[in-house]
Amino acid sequence: MDAQPFLIKTLALVATALEQAGINYALAGGLAYSALVEPRATVDMDFLVVSDEASRGALLTALAPHFDSLFPHAEPMVLTGATIWRVVCVQGTREIIVDFLLGDEDFHRAALDRRQFIEFSGIHLAIVTPEDLYLLKARSIRPQDRLDMDRVQQHCGSALDQGYIKGWLSRWKLKV
């Protein structure tokens, strides 16, 4: 199985596992960008969840039956505007990185409340809105995220809720 089918199969497994466990999630990051804007290469998957240390165990419990092995990082990575907990999921000889954006702010809860459901590569899944994808990327300093923000603006144009975006950027005192 080549990389893309493995990525899509794993996306379906993770989304199904989270739904079956009753975990409120939304696809974010590069795969969300691919679903909402245009396809681009990515080697991991990112899920926004509202979580604390105790519920990280629930994430592992949800994923465990679907993979041969799980290798969670001991501690989340704390970045500007994001706390990311990485879990390496192994199936046979393949592995994939699943990053959980552990939302603990009003914005993260709002983004999950605003999530939408789409069909992507035959998978029914929850995904952040284009506005929330833009805002998640606005808090990053990576050049790829800046490029993604520009493409979200270009692709979605007047359909973007600029008031919503400007409200959060102002609250965070961010200029983009």
C-alpha atoms as a PDB file:
ATOM      1  CA  MET A   1       0.000   0.000   0.000  1.00  0.00           C
ATOM      2  CA  ASP A   2       1.532   3.331  -0.970  1.00  0.00           C
ATOM      3  CA  ALA A   3       1.583   6.435   1.226  1.00  0.00           C
ATOM      4  CA  GLN A   4      -1.682   8.127   0.256  1.00  0.00           C
ATOM      5  CA  PRO A   5      -3.995   5.108   0.665  1.00  0.00           C
ATOM      6  CA  PHE A   6      -2.284   4.349   3.991  1.00  0.00           C
ATOM      7  CA  LEU A   7      -2.795   7.953   5.130  1.00  0.00           C
ATOM      8  CA  ILE A   8      -6.475   7.924   4.128  1.00  0.00           C
ATOM      9  CA  LYS A   9      -7.051   4.501   5.716  1.00  0.00           C
ATOM     10  CA  THR A  10      -5.435   5.720   8.928  1.00  0.00           C
ATOM     11  CA  LEU A  11      -7.488   8.934   8.847  1.00  0.00           C
ATOM     12  CA  ALA A  12     -10.648   6.815   8.648  1.00  0.00           C
ATOM     13  CA  LEU A  13      -9.469   4.616  11.533  1.00  0.00           C
ATOM     14  CA  VAL A  14      -8.653   7.556  13.801  1.00  0.00           C
ATOM     15  CA  ALA A  15     -11.859   9.480  13.003  1.00  0.00           C
ATOM     16  CA  THR A  16     -13.965   6.356  13.579  1.00  0.00           C
ATOM     17  CA  ALA A  17     -12.164   5.603  16.845  1.00  0.00           C
ATOM     18  CA  LEU A  18     -12.716   9.138  18.147  1.00  0.00           C
ATOM     19  CA  GLU A  19     -16.395   9.100  17.149  1.00  0.00           C
ATOM     20  CA  GLN A  20     -17.005   5.684  18.719  1.00  0.00           C
ATOM     21  CA  ALA A  21     -15.377   6.893  21.943  1.00  0.00           C
ATOM     22  CA  GLY A  22     -17.552  10.022  21.982  1.00  0.00           C
ATOM     23  CA  ILE A  23     -14.528  12.314  21.748  1.00  0.00           C
ATOM     24  CA  ASN A  24     -15.359  15.707  20.281  1.00  0.00           C
ATOM     25  CA  TYR A  25     -12.782  16.297  17.548  1.00  0.00           C
ATOM     26  CA  ALA A  26     -12.153  18.200  14.337  1.00  0.00           C
ATOM     27  CA  LEU A  27      -9.575  17.480  11.667  1.00  0.00           C
ATOM     28  CA  ALA A  28      -7.080  20.355  11.428  1.00  0.00           C
ATOM     29  CA  GLY A  29      -3.650  20.966   9.892  1.00  0.00           C
ATOM     30  CA  GLY A  30      -2.464  19.831   6.478  1.00  0.00           C
ATOM     31  CA  LEU A  31      -5.228  17.293   5.831  1.00  0.00           C
ATOM     32  CA  ALA A  32      -7.894  19.861   6.724  1.00  0.00           C
ATOM     33  CA  TYR A  33      -6.196  22.259   4.326  1.00  0.00           C
ATOM     34  CA  SER A  34      -6.265  19.559   1.638  1.00  0.00           C
ATOM     35  CA  ALA A  35      -9.966  18.931   2.220  1.00  0.00           C
ATOM     36  CA  LEU A  36     -11.014  22.590   2.399  1.00  0.00           C
ATOM     37  CA  VAL A  37      -8.667  24.372  -0.018  1.00  0.00           C
ATOM     38  CA  GLU A  38      -6.475  22.247  -2.270  1.00  0.00           C
ATOM     39  CA  PRO A  39      -4.481  19.040  -1.978  1.00  0.00           C
ATOM     40  CA  ARG A  40      -0.985  19.377  -0.563  1.00  0.00           C
ATOM     41  CA  ALA A  41       1.570  16.942   0.754  1.00  0.00           C
ATOM     42  CA  THR A  42       1.545  16.097   4.419  1.00  0.00           C
ATOM     43  CA  VAL A  43       2.992  13.215   6.393  1.00  0.00           C
ATOM     44  CA  ASP A  44       0.926  13.424   9.552  1.00  0.00           C
ATOM     45  CA  MET A  45      -2.589  14.172  10.707  1.00  0.00           C
ATOM     46  CA  ASP A  46      -3.748  16.767  13.178  1.00  0.00           C
ATOM     47  CA  PHE A  47      -6.887  16.654  15.296  1.00  0.00           C
ATOM     48  CA  LEU A  48      -8.223  19.414  17.515  1.00  0.00           C
ATOM     49  CA  VAL A  49      -9.642  18.044  20.762  1.00  0.00           C
ATOM     50  CA  VAL A  50     -10.509  19.694  24.053  1.00  0.00           C
ATOM     51  CA  SER A  51      -8.411  17.719  26.436  1.00  0.00           C
ATOM     52  CA  ASP A  52      -6.514  17.605  29.668  1.00  0.00           C
ATOM     53  CA  GLU A  53      -3.972  15.150  31.006  1.00  0.00           C
ATOM     54  CA  ALA A  54      -6.645  12.737  32.266  1.00  0.00           C
ATOM     55  CA  SER A  55      -8.423  12.563  28.909  1.00  0.00           C
ATOM     56  CA  ARG A  56      -5.204  11.748  27.042  1.00  0.00           C
ATOM     57  CA  GLY A  57      -5.715   8.249  28.380  1.00  0.00           C
ATOM     58  CA  ALA A  58      -9.148   8.188  26.723  1.00  0.00           C
ATOM     59  CA  LEU A  59      -7.510   9.061  23.393  1.00  0.00           C
ATOM     60  CA  LEU A  60      -5.105   6.136  23.721  1.00  0.00           C
ATOM     61  CA  THR A  61      -7.906   3.806  24.779  1.00  0.00           C
ATOM     62  CA  ALA A  62      -9.912   4.851  21.712  1.00  0.00           C
ATOM     63  CA  LEU A  63      -6.982   4.317  19.315  1.00  0.00           C
ATOM     64  CA  ALA A  64      -5.485   1.122  20.763  1.00  0.00           C
ATOM     65  CA  PRO A  65      -7.869  -1.431  19.181  1.00  0.00           C
ATOM     66  CA  HIS A  66      -7.208  -0.015  15.705  1.00  0.00           C
ATOM     67  CA  PHE A  67      -3.396  -0.225  15.661  1.00  0.00           C
ATOM     68  CA  ASP A  68      -0.710  -2.790  16.390  1.00  0.00           C
ATOM     69  CA  SER A  69       1.194  -0.369  18.629  1.00  0.00           C
ATOM     70  CA  LEU A  70       0.960   3.190  19.917  1.00  0.00           C
ATOM     71  CA  PHE A  71       3.914   5.280  21.009  1.00  0.00           C
ATOM     72  CA  PRO A  72       2.698   8.442  22.725  1.00  0.00           C
ATOM     73  CA  HIS A  73       5.164  11.149  23.606  1.00  0.00           C
ATOM     74  CA  ALA A  74       5.465  11.431  27.364  1.00  0.00           C
ATOM     75  CA  GLU A  75       4.708  15.144  27.425  1.00  0.00           C
ATOM     76  CA  PRO A  76       2.927  17.460  25.009  1.00  0.00           C
ATOM     77  CA  MET A  77       4.893  20.039  23.043  1.00  0.00           C
ATOM     78  CA  VAL A  78       3.957  23.533  24.203  1.00  0.00           C
ATOM     79  CA  LEU A  79       4.100  26.035  21.350  1.00  0.00           C
ATOM     80  CA  THR A  80       2.750  29.533  20.891  1.00  0.00           C
ATOM     81  CA  GLY A  81      -1.019  29.162  20.824  1.00  0.00           C
ATOM     82  CA  ALA A  82      -0.934  25.379  20.803  1.00  0.00           C
ATOM     83  CA  THR A  83      -0.207  22.377  22.949  1.00  0.00           C
ATOM     84  CA  ILE A  84       0.411  19.352  20.744  1.00  0.00           C
ATOM     85  CA  TRP A  85       0.518  15.792  21.956  1.00  0.00           C
ATOM     86  CA  ARG A  86       2.086  13.418  19.459  1.00  0.00           C
ATOM     87  CA  VAL A  87       1.173   9.756  19.151  1.00  0.00           C
ATOM     88  CA  VAL A  88       2.981   7.505  16.691  1.00  0.00           C
ATOM     89  CA  CYS A  89       0.557   4.837  15.479  1.00  0.00           C
ATOM     90  CA  VAL A  90       1.976   1.614  14.030  1.00  0.00           C
ATOM     91  CA  GLN A  91       0.131  -0.738  11.704  1.00  0.00           C
ATOM     92  CA  GLY A  92       2.219  -3.622  10.384  1.00  0.00           C
ATOM     93  CA  THR A  93       5.488  -2.126   9.152  1.00  0.00           C
ATOM     94  CA  ARG A  94       3.981   1.353   8.654  1.00  0.00           C
ATOM     95  CA  GLU A  95       3.791   4.180  11.112  1.00  0.00           C
ATOM     96  CA  ILE A  96       2.059   7.513  11.078  1.00  0.00           C
ATOM     97  CA  ILE A  97       2.195  10.523  13.338  1.00  0.00           C
ATOM     98  CA  VAL A  98      -1.086  11.683  14.824  1.00  0.00           C
ATOM     99  CA  ASP A  99      -0.850  15.068  16.505  1.00  0.00           C
ATOM    100  CA  PHE A 100      -3.583  16.073  18.919  1.00  0.00           C
ATOM    101  CA  LEU A 101      -3.960  19.813  19.381  1.00  0.00           C
ATOM    102  CA  LEU A 102      -5.023  19.837  23.004  1.00  0.00           C
ATOM    103  CA  GLY A 103      -7.436  22.731  23.079  1.00  0.00           C
ATOM    104  CA  ASP A 104      -7.772  24.460  26.398  1.00  0.00           C
ATOM    105  CA  GLU A 105      -8.819  27.958  25.329  1.00  0.00           C
ATOM    106  CA  ASP A 106     -12.123  29.601  24.485  1.00  0.00           C
ATOM    107  CA  PHE A 107     -11.022  29.689  20.845  1.00  0.00           C
ATOM    108  CA  HIS A 108     -10.502  25.930  20.716  1.00  0.00           C
ATOM    109  CA  ARG A 109     -13.930  25.286  22.234  1.00  0.00           C
ATOM    110  CA  ALA A 110     -15.475  27.732  19.748  1.00  0.00           C
ATOM    111  CA  ALA A 111     -13.695  26.016  16.858  1.00  0.00           C
ATOM    112  CA  LEU A 112     -15.055  22.645  17.950  1.00  0.00           C
ATOM    113  CA  ASP A 113     -18.552  24.100  18.329  1.00  0.00           C
ATOM    114  CA  ARG A 114     -18.273  25.511  14.788  1.00  0.00           C
ATOM    115  CA  ARG A 115     -16.843  22.358  13.199  1.00  0.00           C
ATOM    116  CA  GLN A 116     -18.492  21.051  10.091  1.00  0.00           C
ATOM    117  CA  PHE A 117     -18.944  17.542   8.766  1.00  0.00           C
ATOM    118  CA  ILE A 118     -17.765  16.637   5.289  1.00  0.00           C
ATOM    119  CA  GLU A 119     -17.098  13.660   3.070  1.00  0.00           C
ATOM    120  CA  PHE A 120     -13.386  13.496   2.299  1.00  0.00           C
ATOM    121  CA  SER A 121     -11.931  10.605   0.295  1.00  0.00           C
ATOM    122  CA  GLY A 122     -15.010   8.568   1.203  1.00  0.00           C
ATOM    123  CA  ILE A 123     -14.747   9.331   4.923  1.00  0.00           C
ATOM    124  CA  HIS A 124     -17.402  11.182   6.934  1.00  0.00           C
ATOM    125  CA  LEU A 125     -15.493  13.355   9.355  1.00  0.00           C
ATOM    126  CA  ALA A 126     -15.575  16.464  11.476  1.00  0.00           C
ATOM    127  CA  ILE A 127     -13.313  19.267  10.295  1.00  0.00           C
ATOM    128  CA  VAL A 128     -12.517  22.805  11.386  1.00  0.00           C
ATOM    129  CA  THR A 129     -14.105  25.600   9.370  1.00  0.00           C
ATOM    130  CA  PRO A 130     -11.930  27.550   6.915  1.00  0.00           C
ATOM    131  CA  GLU A 131     -11.955  30.501   9.351  1.00  0.00           C
ATOM    132  CA  ASP A 132     -10.736  28.343  12.223  1.00  0.00           C
ATOM    133  CA  LEU A 133      -8.101  26.704  10.023  1.00  0.00           C
ATOM    134  CA  TYR A 134      -6.899  30.196   9.102  1.00  0.00           C
ATOM    135  CA  LEU A 135      -6.783  31.203  12.781  1.00  0.00           C
ATOM    136  CA  LEU A 136      -4.984  28.041  13.882  1.00  0.00           C
ATOM    137  CA  LYS A 137      -2.331  28.762  11.275  1.00  0.00           C
ATOM    138  CA  ALA A 138      -2.182  32.473  12.191  1.00  0.00           C
ATOM    139  CA  ARG A 139      -0.737  31.577  15.581  1.00  0.00           C
ATOM    140  CA  SER A 140       2.156  29.671  14.019  1.00  0.00           C
ATOM    141  CA  ILE A 141       5.406  31.145  12.791  1.00  0.00           C
ATOM    142  CA  ARG A 142       6.101  28.436  10.221  1.00  0.00           C
ATOM    143  CA  PRO A 143       6.385  29.685   6.634  1.00  0.00           C
ATOM    144  CA  GLN A 144       4.102  26.870   5.382  1.00  0.00           C
ATOM    145  CA  ASP A 145       1.325  28.086   7.678  1.00  0.00           C
ATOM    146  CA  ARG A 146       1.633  31.616   6.286  1.00  0.00           C
ATOM    147  CA  LEU A 147       1.355  30.255   2.752  1.00  0.00           C
ATOM    148  CA  ASP A 148      -1.667  28.189   3.764  1.00  0.00           C
ATOM    149  CA  MET A 149      -3.341  31.278   5.249  1.00  0.00           C
ATOM    150  CA  ASP A 150      -2.916  33.162   1.970  1.00  0.00           C
ATOM    151  CA  ARG A 151      -4.395  30.254   0.014  1.00  0.00           C
ATOM    152  CA  VAL A 152      -7.358  29.952   2.415  1.00  0.00           C
ATOM    153  CA  GLN A 153      -8.061  33.660   1.809  1.00  0.00           C
ATOM    154  CA  GLN A 154      -7.721  33.265  -1.959  1.00  0.00           C
ATOM    155  CA  HIS A 155      -9.757  30.075  -2.173  1.00  0.00           C
ATOM    156  CA  CYS A 156     -12.603  31.053   0.152  1.00  0.00           C
ATOM    157  CA  GLY A 157     -12.657  34.780  -0.622  1.00  0.00           C
ATOM    158  CA  SER A 158     -15.824  36.586   0.423  1.00  0.00           C
ATOM    159  CA  ALA A 159     -17.270  33.399   1.939  1.00  0.00           C
ATOM    160  CA  LEU A 160     -14.878  33.786   4.910  1.00  0.00           C
ATOM    161  CA  ASP A 161     -16.362  35.400   7.997  1.00  0.00           C
ATOM    162  CA  GLN A 162     -13.833  38.231   8.251  1.00  0.00           C
ATOM    163  CA  GLY A 163     -15.475  39.622  11.393  1.00  0.00           C
ATOM    164  CA  TYR A 164     -14.935  36.339  13.198  1.00  0.00           C
ATOM    165  CA  ILE A 165     -11.311  36.175  12.048  1.00  0.00           C
ATOM    166  CA  LYS A 166     -10.576  39.806  12.939  1.00  0.00           C
ATOM    167  CA  GLY A 167     -12.222  39.373  16.336  1.00  0.00           C
ATOM    168  CA  TRP A 168      -9.874  36.565  17.347  1.00  0.00           C
ATOM    169  CA  LEU A 169      -6.804  38.221  15.835  1.00  0.00           C
ATOM    170  CA  SER A 170      -7.609  41.377  17.784  1.00  0.00           C
ATOM    171  CA  ARG A 171      -8.184  39.413  20.983  1.00  0.00           C
ATOM    172  CA  TRP A 172      -4.762  37.787  20.514  1.00  0.00           C
ATOM    173  CA  LYS A 173      -3.179  41.091  19.473  1.00  0.00           C
ATOM    174  CA  LEU A 174      -1.940  39.475  16.258  1.00  0.00           C
ATOM    175  CA  LYS A 175      -1.250  41.303  13.030  1.00  0.00           C
ATOM    176  CA  VAL A 176      -1.135  39.108   9.952  1.00  0.00           C
END
